[in-house]
Amino acid sequence: MTWKTHLVLGAIAGYYAYPSWKGSVIGATMALLPDVDQARSKLGNMIRPVSRALQKGLGHRTLTHSWVILLVPALLFGDSPAALAALWGILSHLISDMLVGRIQFFWPIRMGWIGIPLTKTMYRTVDRVVFFLAIGYIVYAGYQ
């Protein structure tokens, strides 16, 4: 998925974990975290040396797309609603990446990749549909 789609899905997930604007912001921000292992990603551009090292050393969709990344919210926020929003934001990223490709969730154990591999055309189509449905949902929910 593109960073915009991850951002929107993370905002929705974060809001449902911690119903406030803070939950949305935390969820959206943390939804971008798993792509830190790709130098061309939105977050990767901000911390390029770390991103390049991760990409060269481990590859994309390995460590930062595994169960290990799910420990970050507890480390950053402890036991709080913010941690739950962060966790849901990261989970939204992992699940959406599994819908358009594969991730190595059980890294470092080489149990194989989990997800649905799609062609580039299907990837783009699914990404756009999910993005616009998520935006539509936010608009709809905002008027409730």
N, C-alpha and C. Protein backbone atom coordinates (compact mmCIF):
# COMPACT_ATOMS: atom_id res chain seq x y z
N MET A 1 0.84 -1.18 0.00
CA MET A 1 0.00 0.00 0.00
C MET A 1 0.89 1.25 0.00
N THR A 2 0.32 2.32 -0.46
CA THR A 2 1.06 3.59 -0.46
C THR A 2 1.01 4.20 0.94
N TRP A 3 1.87 5.18 1.17
CA TRP A 3 1.92 5.80 2.49
C TRP A 3 0.60 6.49 2.83
N LYS A 4 -0.06 7.04 1.82
CA LYS A 4 -1.32 7.74 2.07
C LYS A 4 -2.39 6.77 2.57
N THR A 5 -2.44 5.60 1.96
CA THR A 5 -3.42 4.59 2.38
C THR A 5 -3.11 4.10 3.79
N HIS A 6 -1.83 3.84 4.06
CA HIS A 6 -1.43 3.42 5.41
C HIS A 6 -1.80 4.50 6.43
N LEU A 7 -1.58 5.75 6.08
CA LEU A 7 -1.87 6.86 6.98
C LEU A 7 -3.36 6.92 7.33
N VAL A 8 -4.20 6.82 6.31
CA VAL A 8 -5.66 6.90 6.52
C VAL A 8 -6.16 5.70 7.32
N LEU A 9 -5.69 4.49 6.96
CA LEU A 9 -6.12 3.30 7.70
C LEU A 9 -5.62 3.34 9.14
N GLY A 10 -4.40 3.84 9.34
CA GLY A 10 -3.85 3.96 10.69
C GLY A 10 -4.64 4.96 11.52
N ALA A 11 -5.09 6.04 10.91
CA ALA A 11 -5.91 7.03 11.62
C ALA A 11 -7.22 6.41 12.08
N ILE A 12 -7.84 5.64 11.22
CA ILE A 12 -9.10 4.97 11.58
C ILE A 12 -8.85 3.97 12.71
N ALA A 13 -7.82 3.15 12.56
CA ALA A 13 -7.51 2.14 13.58
C ALA A 13 -7.16 2.80 14.92
N GLY A 14 -6.35 3.84 14.86
CA GLY A 14 -5.96 4.54 16.08
C GLY A 14 -7.15 5.17 16.79
N TYR A 15 -8.07 5.70 16.02
CA TYR A 15 -9.26 6.30 16.61
C TYR A 15 -10.11 5.26 17.33
N TYR A 16 -10.25 4.08 16.73
CA TYR A 16 -11.07 3.06 17.38
C TYR A 16 -10.40 2.47 18.61
N ALA A 17 -9.09 2.52 18.67
CA ALA A 17 -8.38 2.04 19.86
C ALA A 17 -8.41 3.09 20.97
N TYR A 18 -8.36 4.35 20.59
CA TYR A 18 -8.29 5.47 21.54
C TYR A 18 -9.12 6.60 20.94
N PRO A 19 -10.45 6.59 21.17
CA PRO A 19 -11.37 7.51 20.49
C PRO A 19 -11.14 8.99 20.79
N SER A 20 -10.19 9.57 20.09
CA SER A 20 -9.90 11.00 20.20
C SER A 20 -9.03 11.38 19.02
N TRP A 21 -8.81 12.67 18.86
CA TRP A 21 -7.92 13.10 17.78
C TRP A 21 -6.51 12.60 18.04
N LYS A 22 -6.12 12.46 19.31
CA LYS A 22 -4.79 11.94 19.63
C LYS A 22 -4.64 10.50 19.15
N GLY A 23 -5.69 9.71 19.35
CA GLY A 23 -5.66 8.32 18.89
C GLY A 23 -5.49 8.25 17.38
N SER A 24 -6.17 9.13 16.66
CA SER A 24 -6.05 9.17 15.20
C SER A 24 -4.64 9.55 14.76
N VAL A 25 -4.08 10.56 15.41
CA VAL A 25 -2.74 11.01 15.04
C VAL A 25 -1.69 9.95 15.35
N ILE A 26 -1.80 9.33 16.53
CA ILE A 26 -0.84 8.29 16.90
C ILE A 26 -0.97 7.09 15.98
N GLY A 27 -2.19 6.65 15.72
CA GLY A 27 -2.40 5.51 14.82
C GLY A 27 -1.88 5.78 13.43
N ALA A 28 -2.15 6.98 12.91
CA ALA A 28 -1.69 7.33 11.56
C ALA A 28 -0.17 7.38 11.50
N THR A 29 0.44 7.98 12.50
CA THR A 29 1.90 8.10 12.53
C THR A 29 2.56 6.73 12.63
N MET A 30 2.06 5.92 13.53
CA MET A 30 2.66 4.60 13.74
C MET A 30 2.39 3.66 12.57
N ALA A 31 1.36 3.93 11.79
CA ALA A 31 1.08 3.11 10.61
C ALA A 31 2.17 3.28 9.55
N LEU A 32 2.92 4.36 9.63
CA LEU A 32 4.02 4.57 8.68
C LEU A 32 5.32 3.91 9.14
N LEU A 33 5.41 3.56 10.41
CA LEU A 33 6.64 3.02 10.98
C LEU A 33 7.18 1.76 10.30
N PRO A 34 6.37 0.76 9.98
CA PRO A 34 6.96 -0.45 9.38
C PRO A 34 7.73 -0.21 8.08
N ASP A 35 7.42 0.84 7.35
CA ASP A 35 8.14 1.10 6.10
C ASP A 35 9.44 1.86 6.29
N VAL A 36 9.91 1.96 7.52
CA VAL A 36 11.20 2.60 7.77
C VAL A 36 12.32 1.79 7.13
N ASP A 37 12.06 0.53 6.80
CA ASP A 37 13.08 -0.32 6.17
C ASP A 37 13.17 -0.12 4.66
N GLN A 38 12.52 0.88 4.15
CA GLN A 38 12.60 1.19 2.72
C GLN A 38 12.99 2.67 2.58
N ALA A 39 14.15 2.89 1.99
CA ALA A 39 14.71 4.25 1.90
C ALA A 39 13.81 5.21 1.11
N ARG A 40 12.99 4.69 0.20
CA ARG A 40 12.12 5.56 -0.60
C ARG A 40 10.80 5.88 0.08
N SER A 41 10.54 5.27 1.23
CA SER A 41 9.26 5.52 1.91
C SER A 41 9.23 6.92 2.51
N LYS A 42 8.05 7.35 2.91
CA LYS A 42 7.88 8.68 3.51
C LYS A 42 8.74 8.81 4.77
N LEU A 43 8.67 7.84 5.66
CA LEU A 43 9.46 7.87 6.88
C LEU A 43 10.94 7.60 6.58
N GLY A 44 11.21 6.71 5.63
CA GLY A 44 12.59 6.41 5.25
C GLY A 44 13.35 7.62 4.76
N ASN A 45 12.67 8.51 4.06
CA ASN A 45 13.30 9.75 3.60
C ASN A 45 13.71 10.65 4.75
N MET A 46 12.96 10.60 5.83
CA MET A 46 13.24 11.48 6.98
C MET A 46 14.46 11.01 7.77
N ILE A 47 14.66 9.71 7.83
CA ILE A 47 15.82 9.16 8.55
C ILE A 47 16.58 8.22 7.62
N ARG A 48 17.03 8.78 6.53
CA ARG A 48 17.65 8.02 5.44
C ARG A 48 18.79 7.08 5.86
N PRO A 49 19.74 7.49 6.71
CA PRO A 49 20.82 6.56 7.06
C PRO A 49 20.32 5.28 7.75
N VAL A 50 19.38 5.43 8.66
CA VAL A 50 18.81 4.27 9.34
C VAL A 50 18.05 3.41 8.34
N SER A 51 17.26 4.05 7.51
CA SER A 51 16.46 3.35 6.52
C SER A 51 17.33 2.57 5.54
N ARG A 52 18.37 3.19 5.05
CA ARG A 52 19.26 2.50 4.11
C ARG A 52 19.95 1.31 4.77
N ALA A 53 20.37 1.48 6.01
CA ALA A 53 21.02 0.38 6.73
C ALA A 53 20.07 -0.80 6.91
N LEU A 54 18.84 -0.51 7.28
CA LEU A 54 17.84 -1.58 7.43
C LEU A 54 17.55 -2.26 6.10
N GLN A 55 17.41 -1.46 5.05
CA GLN A 55 17.09 -2.01 3.74
C GLN A 55 18.22 -2.89 3.21
N LYS A 56 19.45 -2.42 3.34
CA LYS A 56 20.59 -3.21 2.87
C LYS A 56 20.84 -4.44 3.73
N GLY A 57 20.70 -4.27 5.05
CA GLY A 57 21.01 -5.36 5.95
C GLY A 57 19.97 -6.46 6.02
N LEU A 58 18.71 -6.08 6.01
CA LEU A 58 17.64 -7.06 6.22
C LEU A 58 16.66 -7.17 5.07
N GLY A 59 16.53 -6.13 4.28
CA GLY A 59 15.55 -6.14 3.20
C GLY A 59 14.22 -5.56 3.65
N HIS A 60 13.35 -5.38 2.68
CA HIS A 60 12.03 -4.80 2.96
C HIS A 60 11.05 -5.89 3.36
N ARG A 61 10.16 -5.55 4.28
CA ARG A 61 9.11 -6.43 4.79
C ARG A 61 9.66 -7.63 5.54
N THR A 62 10.72 -7.41 6.30
CA THR A 62 11.25 -8.47 7.17
C THR A 62 11.09 -8.03 8.63
N LEU A 63 12.14 -7.53 9.25
CA LEU A 63 12.10 -7.14 10.67
C LEU A 63 10.97 -6.18 10.99
N THR A 64 10.83 -5.12 10.23
CA THR A 64 9.83 -4.09 10.55
C THR A 64 8.42 -4.48 10.14
N HIS A 65 8.27 -5.62 9.50
CA HIS A 65 6.95 -6.14 9.16
C HIS A 65 6.70 -7.46 9.89
N SER A 66 7.37 -7.66 11.02
CA SER A 66 7.24 -8.90 11.77
C SER A 66 6.63 -8.62 13.14
N TRP A 67 6.50 -9.66 13.91
CA TRP A 67 5.96 -9.55 15.27
C TRP A 67 6.81 -8.60 16.13
N VAL A 68 8.07 -8.45 15.80
CA VAL A 68 8.99 -7.62 16.59
C VAL A 68 8.51 -6.16 16.64
N ILE A 69 8.00 -5.65 15.54
CA ILE A 69 7.55 -4.25 15.48
C ILE A 69 6.35 -4.01 16.41
N LEU A 70 5.65 -5.07 16.77
CA LEU A 70 4.49 -4.93 17.65
C LEU A 70 4.90 -4.64 19.10
N LEU A 71 6.19 -4.74 19.41
CA LEU A 71 6.69 -4.41 20.74
C LEU A 71 6.93 -2.91 20.91
N VAL A 72 7.07 -2.19 19.81
CA VAL A 72 7.41 -0.76 19.85
C VAL A 72 6.39 0.08 20.62
N PRO A 73 5.07 -0.11 20.43
CA PRO A 73 4.12 0.74 21.17
C PRO A 73 4.29 0.65 22.69
N ALA A 74 4.52 -0.57 23.20
CA ALA A 74 4.71 -0.72 24.65
C ALA A 74 6.00 -0.04 25.10
N LEU A 75 7.03 -0.10 24.28
CA LEU A 75 8.30 0.54 24.62
C LEU A 75 8.18 2.06 24.62
N LEU A 76 7.42 2.60 23.67
CA LEU A 76 7.27 4.05 23.56
C LEU A 76 6.25 4.64 24.52
N PHE A 77 5.12 3.94 24.70
CA PHE A 77 4.01 4.51 25.44
C PHE A 77 3.64 3.78 26.72
N GLY A 78 4.29 2.65 27.00
CA GLY A 78 3.95 1.88 28.20
C GLY A 78 2.57 1.26 28.07
N ASP A 79 1.87 1.20 29.19
CA ASP A 79 0.51 0.65 29.20
C ASP A 79 -0.47 1.82 29.25
N SER A 80 -0.85 2.29 28.07
CA SER A 80 -1.73 3.46 28.00
C SER A 80 -2.62 3.36 26.77
N PRO A 81 -3.65 4.20 26.69
CA PRO A 81 -4.47 4.23 25.48
C PRO A 81 -3.65 4.58 24.24
N ALA A 82 -2.63 5.41 24.40
CA ALA A 82 -1.77 5.78 23.28
C ALA A 82 -1.04 4.55 22.73
N ALA A 83 -0.62 3.66 23.62
CA ALA A 83 0.06 2.43 23.18
C ALA A 83 -0.89 1.57 22.36
N LEU A 84 -2.14 1.52 22.77
CA LEU A 84 -3.13 0.73 22.04
C LEU A 84 -3.39 1.34 20.66
N ALA A 85 -3.48 2.65 20.58
CA ALA A 85 -3.66 3.32 19.29
C ALA A 85 -2.46 3.07 18.39
N ALA A 86 -1.26 3.12 18.95
CA ALA A 86 -0.05 2.85 18.17
C ALA A 86 -0.03 1.40 17.68
N LEU A 87 -0.40 0.47 18.54
CA LEU A 87 -0.44 -0.94 18.16
C LEU A 87 -1.41 -1.17 17.02
N TRP A 88 -2.59 -0.59 17.12
CA TRP A 88 -3.60 -0.76 16.07
C TRP A 88 -3.15 -0.12 14.76
N GLY A 89 -2.44 1.01 14.86
CA GLY A 89 -1.91 1.66 13.66
C GLY A 89 -0.90 0.76 12.96
N ILE A 90 0.00 0.16 13.73
CA ILE A 90 0.98 -0.75 13.15
C ILE A 90 0.29 -1.99 12.58
N LEU A 91 -0.67 -2.53 13.31
CA LEU A 91 -1.40 -3.70 12.81
C LEU A 91 -2.13 -3.40 11.51
N SER A 92 -2.68 -2.20 11.40
CA SER A 92 -3.37 -1.84 10.15
C SER A 92 -2.39 -1.88 8.98
N HIS A 93 -1.16 -1.46 9.22
CA HIS A 93 -0.13 -1.49 8.17
C HIS A 93 0.19 -2.93 7.79
N LEU A 94 0.43 -3.78 8.78
CA LEU A 94 0.80 -5.16 8.50
C LEU A 94 -0.31 -5.90 7.77
N ILE A 95 -1.53 -5.72 8.23
CA ILE A 95 -2.67 -6.41 7.59
C ILE A 95 -2.89 -5.90 6.17
N SER A 96 -2.81 -4.60 5.97
CA SER A 96 -3.03 -4.08 4.61
C SER A 96 -1.90 -4.51 3.67
N ASP A 97 -0.67 -4.61 4.17
CA ASP A 97 0.41 -5.11 3.32
C ASP A 97 0.21 -6.58 2.97
N MET A 98 -0.39 -7.35 3.87
CA MET A 98 -0.68 -8.76 3.57
C MET A 98 -1.77 -8.89 2.51
N LEU A 99 -2.61 -7.88 2.38
CA LEU A 99 -3.68 -7.93 1.38
C LEU A 99 -3.18 -7.64 -0.04
N VAL A 100 -2.03 -6.99 -0.15
CA VAL A 100 -1.52 -6.64 -1.48
C VAL A 100 -0.13 -7.23 -1.75
N GLY A 101 0.38 -7.97 -0.82
CA GLY A 101 1.71 -8.55 -0.98
C GLY A 101 1.99 -9.48 0.18
N ARG A 102 3.24 -9.77 0.38
CA ARG A 102 3.59 -10.71 1.45
C ARG A 102 4.57 -10.06 2.43
N ILE A 103 4.47 -10.46 3.69
CA ILE A 103 5.39 -10.00 4.72
C ILE A 103 5.97 -11.23 5.43
N GLN A 104 7.10 -11.04 6.08
CA GLN A 104 7.71 -12.14 6.82
C GLN A 104 7.41 -11.93 8.31
N PHE A 105 6.17 -12.25 8.70
CA PHE A 105 5.67 -11.95 10.04
C PHE A 105 6.45 -12.68 11.13
N PHE A 106 6.92 -13.88 10.87
CA PHE A 106 7.60 -14.67 11.89
C PHE A 106 9.11 -14.48 11.89
N TRP A 107 9.60 -13.42 11.23
CA TRP A 107 11.02 -13.13 11.19
C TRP A 107 11.55 -13.12 12.62
N PRO A 108 12.72 -13.64 12.94
CA PRO A 108 13.79 -14.16 12.10
C PRO A 108 13.64 -15.63 11.72
N ILE A 109 12.59 -16.27 12.18
CA ILE A 109 12.36 -17.66 11.78
C ILE A 109 11.93 -17.66 10.32
N ARG A 110 12.56 -18.44 9.52
CA ARG A 110 12.28 -18.49 8.09
C ARG A 110 11.10 -19.42 7.80
N MET A 111 9.91 -19.01 8.23
CA MET A 111 8.72 -19.82 8.02
C MET A 111 8.01 -19.45 6.72
N GLY A 112 8.60 -18.60 5.96
CA GLY A 112 7.98 -18.20 4.71
C GLY A 112 7.25 -16.88 4.85
N TRP A 113 6.74 -16.44 3.74
CA TRP A 113 6.07 -15.16 3.66
C TRP A 113 4.57 -15.37 3.75
N ILE A 114 3.88 -14.45 4.41
CA ILE A 114 2.43 -14.54 4.60
C ILE A 114 1.77 -13.39 3.84
N GLY A 115 0.75 -13.70 3.07
CA GLY A 115 0.01 -12.65 2.38
C GLY A 115 -0.43 -13.10 1.01
N ILE A 116 -0.99 -12.15 0.27
CA ILE A 116 -1.53 -12.40 -1.06
C ILE A 116 -0.69 -11.63 -2.07
N PRO A 117 0.14 -12.34 -2.83
CA PRO A 117 0.93 -11.62 -3.84
C PRO A 117 0.04 -11.17 -5.00
N LEU A 118 0.10 -9.90 -5.34
CA LEU A 118 -0.70 -9.34 -6.43
C LEU A 118 0.22 -8.78 -7.52
N THR A 119 -0.32 -8.69 -8.71
CA THR A 119 0.41 -8.02 -9.79
C THR A 119 0.42 -6.53 -9.49
N LYS A 120 1.28 -5.79 -10.18
CA LYS A 120 1.35 -4.34 -9.95
C LYS A 120 0.02 -3.66 -10.25
N THR A 121 -0.65 -4.10 -11.29
CA THR A 121 -1.94 -3.50 -11.65
C THR A 121 -2.97 -3.76 -10.56
N MET A 122 -3.03 -4.98 -10.08
CA MET A 122 -3.98 -5.31 -9.01
C MET A 122 -3.62 -4.57 -7.72
N TYR A 123 -2.33 -4.46 -7.44
CA TYR A 123 -1.85 -3.74 -6.26
C TYR A 123 -2.35 -2.30 -6.28
N ARG A 124 -2.15 -1.63 -7.41
CA ARG A 124 -2.58 -0.23 -7.54
C ARG A 124 -4.10 -0.10 -7.41
N THR A 125 -4.81 -1.03 -8.02
CA THR A 125 -6.27 -1.01 -7.97
C THR A 125 -6.77 -1.18 -6.54
N VAL A 126 -6.26 -2.19 -5.86
CA VAL A 126 -6.69 -2.44 -4.47
C VAL A 126 -6.32 -1.26 -3.59
N ASP A 127 -5.12 -0.71 -3.77
CA ASP A 127 -4.69 0.43 -2.97
C ASP A 127 -5.64 1.62 -3.15
N ARG A 128 -5.96 1.93 -4.38
CA ARG A 128 -6.86 3.07 -4.64
C ARG A 128 -8.26 2.84 -4.08
N VAL A 129 -8.78 1.63 -4.28
CA VAL A 129 -10.12 1.33 -3.78
C VAL A 129 -10.15 1.44 -2.25
N VAL A 130 -9.16 0.86 -1.59
CA VAL A 130 -9.11 0.91 -0.12
C VAL A 130 -8.96 2.36 0.35
N PHE A 131 -8.10 3.13 -0.30
CA PHE A 131 -7.90 4.53 0.09
C PHE A 131 -9.21 5.31 0.01
N PHE A 132 -9.90 5.23 -1.11
CA PHE A 132 -11.12 6.00 -1.28
C PHE A 132 -12.26 5.50 -0.39
N LEU A 133 -12.31 4.19 -0.15
CA LEU A 133 -13.30 3.67 0.80
C LEU A 133 -13.01 4.18 2.21
N ALA A 134 -11.74 4.21 2.59
CA ALA A 134 -11.37 4.70 3.92
C ALA A 134 -11.70 6.19 4.07
N ILE A 135 -11.40 6.98 3.05
CA ILE A 135 -11.74 8.41 3.09
C ILE A 135 -13.26 8.57 3.18
N GLY A 136 -13.97 7.80 2.39
CA GLY A 136 -15.44 7.84 2.44
C GLY A 136 -15.97 7.47 3.81
N TYR A 137 -15.35 6.47 4.42
CA TYR A 137 -15.77 6.07 5.76
C TYR A 137 -15.53 7.18 6.78
N ILE A 138 -14.37 7.84 6.68
CA ILE A 138 -14.07 8.94 7.60
C ILE A 138 -15.09 10.06 7.44
N VAL A 139 -15.41 10.41 6.22
CA VAL A 139 -16.41 11.46 5.97
C VAL A 139 -17.76 11.05 6.51
N TYR A 140 -18.17 9.81 6.23
CA TYR A 140 -19.44 9.30 6.71
C TYR A 140 -19.49 9.29 8.24
N ALA A 141 -18.45 8.75 8.87
CA ALA A 141 -18.41 8.66 10.33
C ALA A 141 -18.35 10.05 10.96
N GLY A 142 -17.73 11.00 10.28
CA GLY A 142 -17.63 12.35 10.80
C GLY A 142 -18.98 13.06 10.85
N TYR A 143 -19.90 12.65 10.02
CA TYR A 143 -21.22 13.27 10.00
C TYR A 143 -22.23 12.52 10.85
N GLN A 144 -21.81 11.50 11.54
CA GLN A 144 -22.74 10.73 12.39
C GLN A 144 -22.92 11.38 13.73
